[in-house]
Amino acid sequence: MTSFAWIIIIVLLLTLLGTAALALVTLKYYWGERGQPPMTGEDRKRQLEEELRLRTKQIEHAEKNPIVTRKPSFWDNTKVR
């Protein structure tokens, strides 16, 4: 076969490969990690409430346990209490 025919074959194979990859990614994105359709309104609301509850818990934990910083002196590497 001529070089032109090989180029056409390679382009067609790459096109098919790209189309298959795009279809796979699209289906995986749409159907999610566990093969489920996107959540309904009630499920989204329940998930949002759960995320807000967990975020509130994170904020409370951060307020109770502040980050311990170091002293401004370069040579003193102990933490400030």
PDB file of N, CA and C in Angstrom:
ATOM      1  N   MET A   1       0.835  -1.177   0.000  1.00  0.00           N
ATOM      2  CA  MET A   1       0.000   0.000   0.000  1.00  0.00           C
ATOM      3  C   MET A   1       0.881   1.242   0.000  1.00  0.00           C
ATOM      4  N   THR A   2       0.310   2.276  -0.504  1.00  0.00           N
ATOM      5  CA  THR A   2       1.075   3.514  -0.583  1.00  0.00           C
ATOM      6  C   THR A   2       1.081   4.224   0.766  1.00  0.00           C
ATOM      7  N   SER A   3       1.932   5.193   0.874  1.00  0.00           N
ATOM      8  CA  SER A   3       2.039   5.968   2.111  1.00  0.00           C
ATOM      9  C   SER A   3       0.739   6.715   2.402  1.00  0.00           C
ATOM     10  N   PHE A   4       0.088   7.194   1.373  1.00  0.00           N
ATOM     11  CA  PHE A   4      -1.165   7.921   1.560  1.00  0.00           C
ATOM     12  C   PHE A   4      -2.237   7.020   2.167  1.00  0.00           C
ATOM     13  N   ALA A   5      -2.299   5.785   1.712  1.00  0.00           N
ATOM     14  CA  ALA A   5      -3.280   4.836   2.250  1.00  0.00           C
ATOM     15  C   ALA A   5      -2.993   4.551   3.724  1.00  0.00           C
ATOM     16  N   TRP A   6      -1.720   4.414   4.087  1.00  0.00           N
ATOM     17  CA  TRP A   6      -1.360   4.186   5.491  1.00  0.00           C
ATOM     18  C   TRP A   6      -1.755   5.382   6.356  1.00  0.00           C
ATOM     19  N   ILE A   7      -1.572   6.570   5.823  1.00  0.00           N
ATOM     20  CA  ILE A   7      -1.960   7.775   6.572  1.00  0.00           C
ATOM     21  C   ILE A   7      -3.470   7.779   6.806  1.00  0.00           C
ATOM     22  N   ILE A   8      -4.241   7.433   5.783  1.00  0.00           N
ATOM     23  CA  ILE A   8      -5.699   7.375   5.917  1.00  0.00           C
ATOM     24  C   ILE A   8      -6.096   6.333   6.965  1.00  0.00           C
ATOM     25  N   ILE A   9      -5.470   5.163   6.933  1.00  0.00           N
ATOM     26  CA  ILE A   9      -5.781   4.099   7.898  1.00  0.00           C
ATOM     27  C   ILE A   9      -5.444   4.551   9.323  1.00  0.00           C
ATOM     28  N   ILE A  10      -4.286   5.163   9.501  1.00  0.00           N
ATOM     29  CA  ILE A  10      -3.879   5.628  10.832  1.00  0.00           C
ATOM     30  C   ILE A  10      -4.834   6.705  11.341  1.00  0.00           C
ATOM     31  N   VAL A  11      -5.215   7.629  10.472  1.00  0.00           N
ATOM     32  CA  VAL A  11      -6.153   8.685  10.872  1.00  0.00           C
ATOM     33  C   VAL A  11      -7.499   8.081  11.267  1.00  0.00           C
ATOM     34  N   LEU A  12      -7.985   7.114  10.506  1.00  0.00           N
ATOM     35  CA  LEU A  12      -9.256   6.473  10.844  1.00  0.00           C
ATOM     36  C   LEU A  12      -9.171   5.720  12.170  1.00  0.00           C
ATOM     37  N   LEU A  13      -8.071   5.005  12.395  1.00  0.00           N
ATOM     38  CA  LEU A  13      -7.898   4.281  13.655  1.00  0.00           C
ATOM     39  C   LEU A  13      -7.835   5.241  14.843  1.00  0.00           C
ATOM     40  N   LEU A  14      -7.098   6.331  14.693  1.00  0.00           N
ATOM     41  CA  LEU A  14      -7.013   7.307  15.775  1.00  0.00           C
ATOM     42  C   LEU A  14      -8.360   7.987  16.020  1.00  0.00           C
ATOM     43  N   THR A  15      -9.115   8.220  14.953  1.00  0.00           N
ATOM     44  CA  THR A  15     -10.447   8.804  15.096  1.00  0.00           C
ATOM     45  C   THR A  15     -11.368   7.860  15.865  1.00  0.00           C
ATOM     46  N   LEU A  16     -11.328   6.580  15.517  1.00  0.00           N
ATOM     47  CA  LEU A  16     -12.145   5.597  16.233  1.00  0.00           C
ATOM     48  C   LEU A  16     -11.715   5.480  17.694  1.00  0.00           C
ATOM     49  N   LEU A  17     -10.422   5.484  17.936  1.00  0.00           N
ATOM     50  CA  LEU A  17      -9.909   5.409  19.304  1.00  0.00           C
ATOM     51  C   LEU A  17     -10.347   6.634  20.112  1.00  0.00           C
ATOM     52  N   GLY A  18     -10.241   7.812  19.525  1.00  0.00           N
ATOM     53  CA  GLY A  18     -10.666   9.033  20.206  1.00  0.00           C
ATOM     54  C   GLY A  18     -12.157   9.049  20.480  1.00  0.00           C
ATOM     55  N   THR A  19     -12.946   8.576  19.522  1.00  0.00           N
ATOM     56  CA  THR A  19     -14.396   8.515  19.704  1.00  0.00           C
ATOM     57  C   THR A  19     -14.759   7.557  20.829  1.00  0.00           C
ATOM     58  N   ALA A  20     -14.092   6.407  20.865  1.00  0.00           N
ATOM     59  CA  ALA A  20     -14.356   5.431  21.927  1.00  0.00           C
ATOM     60  C   ALA A  20     -13.966   5.995  23.292  1.00  0.00           C
ATOM     61  N   ALA A  21     -12.830   6.678  23.358  1.00  0.00           N
ATOM     62  CA  ALA A  21     -12.393   7.265  24.629  1.00  0.00           C
ATOM     63  C   ALA A  21     -13.371   8.345  25.083  1.00  0.00           C
ATOM     64  N   LEU A  22     -13.818   9.176  24.164  1.00  0.00           N
ATOM     65  CA  LEU A  22     -14.778  10.226  24.504  1.00  0.00           C
ATOM     66  C   LEU A  22     -16.098   9.628  24.984  1.00  0.00           C
ATOM     67  N   ALA A  23     -16.564   8.587  24.318  1.00  0.00           N
ATOM     68  CA  ALA A  23     -17.807   7.929  24.731  1.00  0.00           C
ATOM     69  C   ALA A  23     -17.655   7.302  26.112  1.00  0.00           C
ATOM     70  N   LEU A  24     -16.524   6.659  26.362  1.00  0.00           N
ATOM     71  CA  LEU A  24     -16.281   6.034  27.665  1.00  0.00           C
ATOM     72  C   LEU A  24     -16.254   7.073  28.779  1.00  0.00           C
ATOM     73  N   VAL A  25     -15.536   8.162  28.564  1.00  0.00           N
ATOM     74  CA  VAL A  25     -15.451   9.213  29.585  1.00  0.00           C
ATOM     75  C   VAL A  25     -16.816   9.855  29.807  1.00  0.00           C
ATOM     76  N   THR A  26     -17.553  10.081  28.740  1.00  0.00           N
ATOM     77  CA  THR A  26     -18.878  10.688  28.861  1.00  0.00           C
ATOM     78  C   THR A  26     -19.820   9.790  29.654  1.00  0.00           C
ATOM     79  N   LEU A  27     -19.833   8.498  29.347  1.00  0.00           N
ATOM     80  CA  LEU A  27     -20.704   7.576  30.072  1.00  0.00           C
ATOM     81  C   LEU A  27     -20.285   7.451  31.530  1.00  0.00           C
ATOM     82  N   LYS A  28     -18.985   7.382  31.777  1.00  0.00           N
ATOM     83  CA  LYS A  28     -18.503   7.275  33.157  1.00  0.00           C
ATOM     84  C   LYS A  28     -18.853   8.542  33.932  1.00  0.00           C
ATOM     85  N   TYR A  29     -18.720   9.700  33.306  1.00  0.00           N
ATOM     86  CA  TYR A  29     -19.063  10.957  33.980  1.00  0.00           C
ATOM     87  C   TYR A  29     -20.559  11.025  34.259  1.00  0.00           C
ATOM     88  N   TYR A  30     -21.357  10.649  33.276  1.00  0.00           N
ATOM     89  CA  TYR A  30     -22.806  10.759  33.440  1.00  0.00           C
ATOM     90  C   TYR A  30     -23.325   9.765  34.468  1.00  0.00           C
ATOM     91  N   TRP A  31     -22.849   8.521  34.389  1.00  0.00           N
ATOM     92  CA  TRP A  31     -23.380   7.489  35.268  1.00  0.00           C
ATOM     93  C   TRP A  31     -22.656   7.420  36.599  1.00  0.00           C
ATOM     94  N   GLY A  32     -21.572   8.132  36.761  1.00  0.00           N
ATOM     95  CA  GLY A  32     -20.906   8.202  38.059  1.00  0.00           C
ATOM     96  C   GLY A  32     -19.988   7.030  38.335  1.00  0.00           C
ATOM     97  N   GLU A  33     -19.405   7.063  39.510  1.00  0.00           N
ATOM     98  CA  GLU A  33     -18.417   6.057  39.893  1.00  0.00           C
ATOM     99  C   GLU A  33     -19.042   4.675  40.063  1.00  0.00           C
ATOM    100  N   ARG A  34     -20.229   4.597  40.602  1.00  0.00           N
ATOM    101  CA  ARG A  34     -20.823   3.304  40.919  1.00  0.00           C
ATOM    102  C   ARG A  34     -21.895   2.878  39.914  1.00  0.00           C
ATOM    103  N   GLY A  35     -21.956   3.518  38.791  1.00  0.00           N
ATOM    104  CA  GLY A  35     -22.925   3.130  37.781  1.00  0.00           C
ATOM    105  C   GLY A  35     -24.343   3.576  38.093  1.00  0.00           C
ATOM    106  N   GLN A  36     -24.488   4.676  38.805  1.00  0.00           N
ATOM    107  CA  GLN A  36     -25.809   5.184  39.145  1.00  0.00           C
ATOM    108  C   GLN A  36     -26.082   6.460  38.363  1.00  0.00           C
ATOM    109  N   PRO A  37     -27.333   6.701  38.028  1.00  0.00           N
ATOM    110  CA  PRO A  37     -27.658   7.965  37.361  1.00  0.00           C
ATOM    111  C   PRO A  37     -27.478   9.134  38.323  1.00  0.00           C
ATOM    112  N   PRO A  38     -27.461  10.348  37.815  1.00  0.00           N
ATOM    113  CA  PRO A  38     -27.318  11.520  38.688  1.00  0.00           C
ATOM    114  C   PRO A  38     -28.424  11.551  39.746  1.00  0.00           C
ATOM    115  N   MET A  39     -28.115  12.185  40.866  1.00  0.00           N
ATOM    116  CA  MET A  39     -29.059  12.216  41.985  1.00  0.00           C
ATOM    117  C   MET A  39     -30.289  13.056  41.653  1.00  0.00           C
ATOM    118  N   THR A  40     -31.380  12.690  42.275  1.00  0.00           N
ATOM    119  CA  THR A  40     -32.611  13.465  42.130  1.00  0.00           C
ATOM    120  C   THR A  40     -32.558  14.654  43.080  1.00  0.00           C
ATOM    121  N   GLY A  41     -33.556  15.491  43.023  1.00  0.00           N
ATOM    122  CA  GLY A  41     -33.581  16.693  43.854  1.00  0.00           C
ATOM    123  C   GLY A  41     -33.525  16.393  45.340  1.00  0.00           C
ATOM    124  N   GLU A  42     -34.276  15.383  45.782  1.00  0.00           N
ATOM    125  CA  GLU A  42     -34.298  15.029  47.206  1.00  0.00           C
ATOM    126  C   GLU A  42     -32.936  14.491  47.654  1.00  0.00           C
ATOM    127  N   ASP A  43     -32.307  13.674  46.819  1.00  0.00           N
ATOM    128  CA  ASP A  43     -30.982  13.137  47.158  1.00  0.00           C
ATOM    129  C   ASP A  43     -29.938  14.243  47.221  1.00  0.00           C
ATOM    130  N   ARG A  44     -30.004  15.178  46.271  1.00  0.00           N
ATOM    131  CA  ARG A  44     -29.063  16.304  46.286  1.00  0.00           C
ATOM    132  C   ARG A  44     -29.240  17.146  47.545  1.00  0.00           C
ATOM    133  N   LYS A  45     -30.495  17.365  47.935  1.00  0.00           N
ATOM    134  CA  LYS A  45     -30.769  18.150  49.141  1.00  0.00           C
ATOM    135  C   LYS A  45     -30.216  17.435  50.375  1.00  0.00           C
ATOM    136  N   ARG A  46     -30.405  16.121  50.451  1.00  0.00           N
ATOM    137  CA  ARG A  46     -29.908  15.342  51.578  1.00  0.00           C
ATOM    138  C   ARG A  46     -28.376  15.367  51.618  1.00  0.00           C
ATOM    139  N   GLN A  47     -27.743  15.259  50.455  1.00  0.00           N
ATOM    140  CA  GLN A  47     -26.283  15.301  50.406  1.00  0.00           C
ATOM    141  C   GLN A  47     -25.771  16.685  50.816  1.00  0.00           C
ATOM    142  N   LEU A  48     -26.430  17.743  50.376  1.00  0.00           N
ATOM    143  CA  LEU A  48     -26.026  19.099  50.749  1.00  0.00           C
ATOM    144  C   LEU A  48     -26.131  19.298  52.262  1.00  0.00           C
ATOM    145  N   GLU A  49     -27.218  18.810  52.859  1.00  0.00           N
ATOM    146  CA  GLU A  49     -27.368  18.918  54.312  1.00  0.00           C
ATOM    147  C   GLU A  49     -26.258  18.157  55.033  1.00  0.00           C
ATOM    148  N   GLU A  50     -25.913  16.981  54.534  1.00  0.00           N
ATOM    149  CA  GLU A  50     -24.827  16.192  55.135  1.00  0.00           C
ATOM    150  C   GLU A  50     -23.495  16.926  55.019  1.00  0.00           C
ATOM    151  N   GLU A  51     -23.229  17.520  53.853  1.00  0.00           N
ATOM    152  CA  GLU A  51     -21.983  18.268  53.662  1.00  0.00           C
ATOM    153  C   GLU A  51     -21.927  19.483  54.587  1.00  0.00           C
ATOM    154  N   LEU A  52     -23.047  20.182  54.747  1.00  0.00           N
ATOM    155  CA  LEU A  52     -23.084  21.336  55.645  1.00  0.00           C
ATOM    156  C   LEU A  52     -22.871  20.911  57.096  1.00  0.00           C
ATOM    157  N   ARG A  53     -23.446  19.769  57.482  1.00  0.00           N
ATOM    158  CA  ARG A  53     -23.254  19.264  58.839  1.00  0.00           C
ATOM    159  C   ARG A  53     -21.784  18.920  59.080  1.00  0.00           C
ATOM    160  N   LEU A  54     -21.159  18.247  58.111  1.00  0.00           N
ATOM    161  CA  LEU A  54     -19.745  17.902  58.254  1.00  0.00           C
ATOM    162  C   LEU A  54     -18.865  19.148  58.257  1.00  0.00           C
ATOM    163  N   ARG A  55     -19.212  20.134  57.453  1.00  0.00           N
ATOM    164  CA  ARG A  55     -18.429  21.379  57.417  1.00  0.00           C
ATOM    165  C   ARG A  55     -18.536  22.112  58.755  1.00  0.00           C
ATOM    166  N   THR A  56     -19.730  22.127  59.348  1.00  0.00           N
ATOM    167  CA  THR A  56     -19.903  22.740  60.665  1.00  0.00           C
ATOM    168  C   THR A  56     -19.036  22.031  61.698  1.00  0.00           C
ATOM    169  N   LYS A  57     -18.994  20.707  61.607  1.00  0.00           N
ATOM    170  CA  LYS A  57     -18.163  19.922  62.521  1.00  0.00           C
ATOM    171  C   LYS A  57     -16.682  20.263  62.328  1.00  0.00           C
ATOM    172  N   GLN A  58     -16.250  20.444  61.075  1.00  0.00           N
ATOM    173  CA  GLN A  58     -14.860  20.819  60.799  1.00  0.00           C
ATOM    174  C   GLN A  58     -14.532  22.185  61.398  1.00  0.00           C
ATOM    175  N   ILE A  59     -15.448  23.136  61.245  1.00  0.00           N
ATOM    176  CA  ILE A  59     -15.211  24.488  61.766  1.00  0.00           C
ATOM    177  C   ILE A  59     -15.123  24.462  63.287  1.00  0.00           C
ATOM    178  N   GLU A  60     -16.014  23.711  63.942  1.00  0.00           N
ATOM    179  CA  GLU A  60     -15.962  23.602  65.400  1.00  0.00           C
ATOM    180  C   GLU A  60     -14.643  22.977  65.852  1.00  0.00           C
ATOM    181  N   HIS A  61     -14.199  21.954  65.146  1.00  0.00           N
ATOM    182  CA  HIS A  61     -12.928  21.305  65.494  1.00  0.00           C
ATOM    183  C   HIS A  61     -11.767  22.276  65.316  1.00  0.00           C
ATOM    184  N   ALA A  62     -11.797  23.067  64.254  1.00  0.00           N
ATOM    185  CA  ALA A  62     -10.721  24.030  64.002  1.00  0.00           C
ATOM    186  C   ALA A  62     -10.697  25.121  65.069  1.00  0.00           C
ATOM    187  N   GLU A  63     -11.862  25.520  65.553  1.00  0.00           N
ATOM    188  CA  GLU A  63     -11.907  26.539  66.604  1.00  0.00           C
ATOM    189  C   GLU A  63     -11.390  25.988  67.932  1.00  0.00           C
ATOM    190  N   LYS A  64     -11.678  24.721  68.216  1.00  0.00           N
ATOM    191  CA  LYS A  64     -11.213  24.109  69.463  1.00  0.00           C
ATOM    192  C   LYS A  64      -9.722  23.786  69.410  1.00  0.00           C
ATOM    193  N   ASN A  65      -9.211  23.488  68.234  1.00  0.00           N
ATOM    194  CA  ASN A  65      -7.813  23.084  68.066  1.00  0.00           C
ATOM    195  C   ASN A  65      -7.124  23.995  67.052  1.00  0.00           C
ATOM    196  N   PRO A  66      -6.752  25.206  67.469  1.00  0.00           N
ATOM    197  CA  PRO A  66      -6.121  26.124  66.511  1.00  0.00           C
ATOM    198  C   PRO A  66      -4.739  25.620  66.084  1.00  0.00           C
ATOM    199  N   ILE A  67      -4.277  26.108  64.963  1.00  0.00           N
ATOM    200  CA  ILE A  67      -2.972  25.733  64.437  1.00  0.00           C
ATOM    201  C   ILE A  67      -1.892  26.323  65.337  1.00  0.00           C
ATOM    202  N   VAL A  68      -0.920  25.487  65.702  1.00  0.00           N
ATOM    203  CA  VAL A  68       0.185  25.947  66.540  1.00  0.00           C
ATOM    204  C   VAL A  68       1.264  26.487  65.612  1.00  0.00           C
ATOM    205  N   THR A  69       1.583  27.757  65.773  1.00  0.00           N
ATOM    206  CA  THR A  69       2.580  28.384  64.902  1.00  0.00           C
ATOM    207  C   THR A  69       3.961  28.326  65.544  1.00  0.00           C
ATOM    208  N   ARG A  70       4.952  28.678  64.786  1.00  0.00           N
ATOM    209  CA  ARG A  70       6.320  28.707  65.299  1.00  0.00           C
ATOM    210  C   ARG A  70       6.680  30.132  65.702  1.00  0.00           C
ATOM    211  N   LYS A  71       7.737  30.242  66.493  1.00  0.00           N
ATOM    212  CA  LYS A  71       8.199  31.559  66.935  1.00  0.00           C
ATOM    213  C   LYS A  71       8.795  32.310  65.750  1.00  0.00           C
ATOM    214  N   PRO A  72       8.727  33.628  65.766  1.00  0.00           N
ATOM    215  CA  PRO A  72       9.238  34.396  64.628  1.00  0.00           C
ATOM    216  C   PRO A  72      10.753  34.320  64.475  1.00  0.00           C
ATOM    217  N   SER A  73      11.466  33.967  65.529  1.00  0.00           N
ATOM    218  CA  SER A  73      12.920  33.868  65.428  1.00  0.00           C
ATOM    219  C   SER A  73      13.291  32.678  64.549  1.00  0.00           C
ATOM    220  N   PHE A  74      14.176  32.888  63.585  1.00  0.00           N
ATOM    221  CA  PHE A  74      14.577  31.829  62.666  1.00  0.00           C
ATOM    222  C   PHE A  74      15.283  30.691  63.394  1.00  0.00           C
ATOM    223  N   TRP A  75      16.116  31.004  64.366  1.00  0.00           N
ATOM    224  CA  TRP A  75      16.950  30.002  65.027  1.00  0.00           C
ATOM    225  C   TRP A  75      16.202  29.226  66.105  1.00  0.00           C
ATOM    226  N   ASP A  76      15.116  29.787  66.613  1.00  0.00           N
ATOM    227  CA  ASP A  76      14.333  29.087  67.632  1.00  0.00           C
ATOM    228  C   ASP A  76      13.236  28.292  66.925  1.00  0.00           C
ATOM    229  N   ASN A  77      13.378  26.979  66.866  1.00  0.00           N
ATOM    230  CA  ASN A  77      12.484  26.140  66.079  1.00  0.00           C
ATOM    231  C   ASN A  77      11.397  25.480  66.927  1.00  0.00           C
ATOM    232  N   THR A  78      11.200  25.947  68.162  1.00  0.00           N
ATOM    233  CA  THR A  78      10.157  25.362  68.998  1.00  0.00           C
ATOM    234  C   THR A  78       8.810  26.006  68.676  1.00  0.00           C
ATOM    235  N   LYS A  79       7.752  25.269  68.981  1.00  0.00           N
ATOM    236  CA  LYS A  79       6.416  25.792  68.702  1.00  0.00           C
ATOM    237  C   LYS A  79       5.936  26.683  69.827  1.00  0.00           C
ATOM    238  N   VAL A  80       5.125  27.658  69.480  1.00  0.00           N
ATOM    239  CA  VAL A  80       4.543  28.577  70.452  1.00  0.00           C
ATOM    240  C   VAL A  80       3.337  27.889  71.076  1.00  0.00           C
ATOM    241  N   ARG A  81       3.165  28.026  72.374  1.00  0.00           N
ATOM    242  CA  ARG A  81       1.998  27.428  73.038  1.00  0.00           C
ATOM    243  C   ARG A  81       1.034  28.470  73.471  1.00  0.00           C
TER     244      ARG A  81
END
